[in-house]
């Protein structure tokens, strides 16, 4: 794990090991990050209008702190999902893409067809226009 991955896995699907690697030009992409889904991660995701933000649930945590970004992004009308910490390494976007299993979704993501239990990559590829 390098901690510096910033690459496209498919057209419109950006892999970033940290959500802090987002740039203004990333607007409109699906951002698969290796970051936890906490409050601080939400702030970075809110700074760029993404089609979908992906985080690690970090084991959910006390008071669901590991998935707090889902609520904050939903409040802004933005779609977001988390993958299970047991399915992908935190901080490794490529592992999220290769092995991630969706654990939680917000209402905006659910409206797009995302659901807990789905393979992350397959769900995203179904969502993208062919």
Protein backbone atom coordinates (compact mmCIF):
# COMPACT_ATOMS: atom_id res chain seq x y z
CA UNK A 1 0.00 0.00 0.00
CA UNK A 2 1.62 3.23 -1.15
CA UNK A 3 -0.81 5.79 0.26
CA UNK A 4 -0.57 7.82 -2.93
CA UNK A 5 -2.83 6.08 -5.43
CA UNK A 6 -4.61 8.52 -7.71
CA UNK A 7 -5.64 6.73 -10.86
CA UNK A 8 -8.67 5.98 -12.98
CA UNK A 9 -9.92 2.39 -12.68
CA UNK A 10 -12.51 2.93 -15.42
CA UNK A 11 -13.78 6.00 -17.28
CA UNK A 12 -15.26 8.28 -14.64
CA UNK A 13 -14.06 6.17 -11.68
CA UNK A 14 -11.21 7.76 -9.75
CA UNK A 15 -9.29 5.78 -7.12
CA UNK A 16 -7.72 7.86 -4.34
CA UNK A 17 -6.14 6.32 -1.27
CA UNK A 18 -7.17 9.42 0.67
CA UNK A 19 -10.22 11.59 0.07
CA UNK A 20 -7.86 14.54 0.64
CA UNK A 21 -6.43 13.84 -2.84
CA UNK A 22 -9.56 15.13 -4.58
CA UNK A 23 -9.06 18.13 -6.84
CA UNK A 24 -11.59 20.64 -8.24
CA UNK A 25 -11.26 19.03 -11.68
CA UNK A 26 -12.63 15.78 -10.26
CA UNK A 27 -16.18 17.11 -10.30
CA UNK A 28 -18.61 14.55 -11.67
CA UNK A 29 -16.52 11.43 -11.05
CA UNK A 30 -17.20 8.43 -8.88
CA UNK A 31 -14.50 8.75 -6.21
CA UNK A 32 -13.46 5.46 -4.62
CA UNK A 33 -11.42 6.50 -1.60
CA UNK A 34 -9.60 4.42 0.95
CA UNK A 35 -10.57 6.89 3.66
CA UNK A 36 -12.84 6.20 6.62
CA UNK A 37 -16.36 7.53 6.29
CA UNK A 38 -16.12 9.94 9.21
CA UNK A 39 -17.01 13.62 9.52
CA UNK A 40 -13.62 14.91 8.35
CA UNK A 41 -13.79 12.81 5.18
CA UNK A 42 -17.23 14.20 4.40
CA UNK A 43 -15.86 17.74 4.41
CA UNK A 44 -13.37 16.86 1.65
CA UNK A 45 -16.03 15.05 -0.39
CA UNK A 46 -18.41 18.00 -0.08
CA UNK A 47 -15.78 20.33 -1.55
CA UNK A 48 -16.06 18.61 -4.97
CA UNK A 49 -19.43 17.71 -6.56
CA UNK A 50 -18.99 13.96 -7.06
CA UNK A 51 -21.41 11.51 -8.70
CA UNK A 52 -20.72 9.10 -5.86
CA UNK A 53 -18.31 9.05 -2.92
CA UNK A 54 -17.02 5.75 -1.56
CA UNK A 55 -15.45 5.32 1.88
CA UNK A 56 -14.43 2.51 4.24
CA UNK A 57 -16.84 1.99 7.15
CA UNK A 58 -13.87 1.60 9.53
CA UNK A 59 -15.82 -0.94 11.56
CA UNK A 60 -18.69 1.55 11.97
CA UNK A 61 -17.39 2.61 15.40
CA UNK A 62 -18.88 4.34 18.40
CA UNK A 63 -22.00 6.32 17.55
CA UNK A 64 -21.53 5.18 13.93
CA UNK A 65 -18.61 7.59 13.53
CA UNK A 66 -17.13 5.49 10.71
CA UNK A 67 -20.15 6.14 8.49
CA UNK A 68 -21.05 9.70 9.53
CA UNK A 69 -20.13 10.97 6.06
CA UNK A 70 -23.19 9.22 4.63
CA UNK A 71 -25.52 11.40 6.68
CA UNK A 72 -23.62 14.62 5.96
CA UNK A 73 -23.47 13.96 2.23
CA UNK A 74 -27.16 13.01 2.18
CA UNK A 75 -27.99 16.35 3.81
CA UNK A 76 -26.34 17.98 0.79
CA UNK A 77 -28.16 15.67 -1.64
CA UNK A 78 -24.97 13.76 -2.48
CA UNK A 79 -24.72 10.00 -2.98
CA UNK A 80 -22.29 8.02 -0.83
CA UNK A 81 -21.59 4.44 0.19
CA UNK A 82 -19.19 2.67 2.50
CA UNK A 83 -17.51 -0.68 2.05
CA UNK A 84 -17.06 -3.12 4.89
CA UNK A 85 -13.77 -2.78 6.72
CA UNK A 86 -13.52 -6.56 6.58
CA UNK A 87 -13.63 -6.51 2.76
CA UNK A 88 -11.03 -3.83 1.96
CA UNK A 89 -8.03 -2.23 3.64
CA UNK A 90 -8.49 1.30 4.95
CA UNK A 91 -6.23 3.65 2.99
CA UNK A 92 -6.07 1.40 -0.10
CA UNK A 93 -8.46 2.50 -2.86
CA UNK A 94 -7.32 -0.27 -5.20
CA UNK A 95 -8.28 -2.86 -2.58
CA UNK A 96 -11.68 -1.18 -2.25
CA UNK A 97 -12.13 -1.45 -6.04
CA UNK A 98 -10.88 -5.05 -6.20
CA UNK A 99 -12.53 -6.51 -3.08
CA UNK A 100 -14.93 -3.98 -1.52
CA UNK A 101 -18.41 -5.07 -0.48
CA UNK A 102 -20.89 -2.28 0.17
CA UNK A 103 -21.91 -2.12 3.83
CA UNK A 104 -23.99 1.07 4.01
CA UNK A 105 -25.59 3.48 1.54
CA UNK A 106 -27.31 6.81 1.97
CA UNK A 107 -30.72 7.52 0.44
CA UNK A 108 -29.25 9.29 -2.60
CA UNK A 109 -27.09 6.25 -3.39
CA UNK A 110 -30.01 3.88 -2.78
CA UNK A 111 -32.06 5.85 -5.30
CA UNK A 112 -29.29 5.17 -7.84
CA UNK A 113 -29.53 1.41 -7.21
CA UNK A 114 -26.74 0.88 -4.67
CA UNK A 115 -27.42 -1.46 -1.74
CA UNK A 116 -25.62 -3.15 1.13
CA UNK A 117 -24.11 -6.49 0.18
CA UNK A 118 -23.28 -5.56 -3.41
CA UNK A 119 -19.80 -5.96 -4.84
CA UNK A 120 -18.57 -2.36 -5.11
CA UNK A 121 -16.94 -2.60 -8.53
CA UNK A 122 -19.85 -4.49 -10.11
CA UNK A 123 -22.37 -2.03 -8.66
CA UNK A 124 -20.45 0.99 -9.94
CA UNK A 125 -19.94 -0.50 -13.39
CA UNK A 126 -23.70 -1.24 -13.62
CA UNK A 127 -24.41 2.36 -12.68
CA UNK A 128 -22.08 3.95 -15.25
CA UNK A 129 -23.32 4.49 -18.80
CA UNK A 130 -21.94 1.90 -21.20
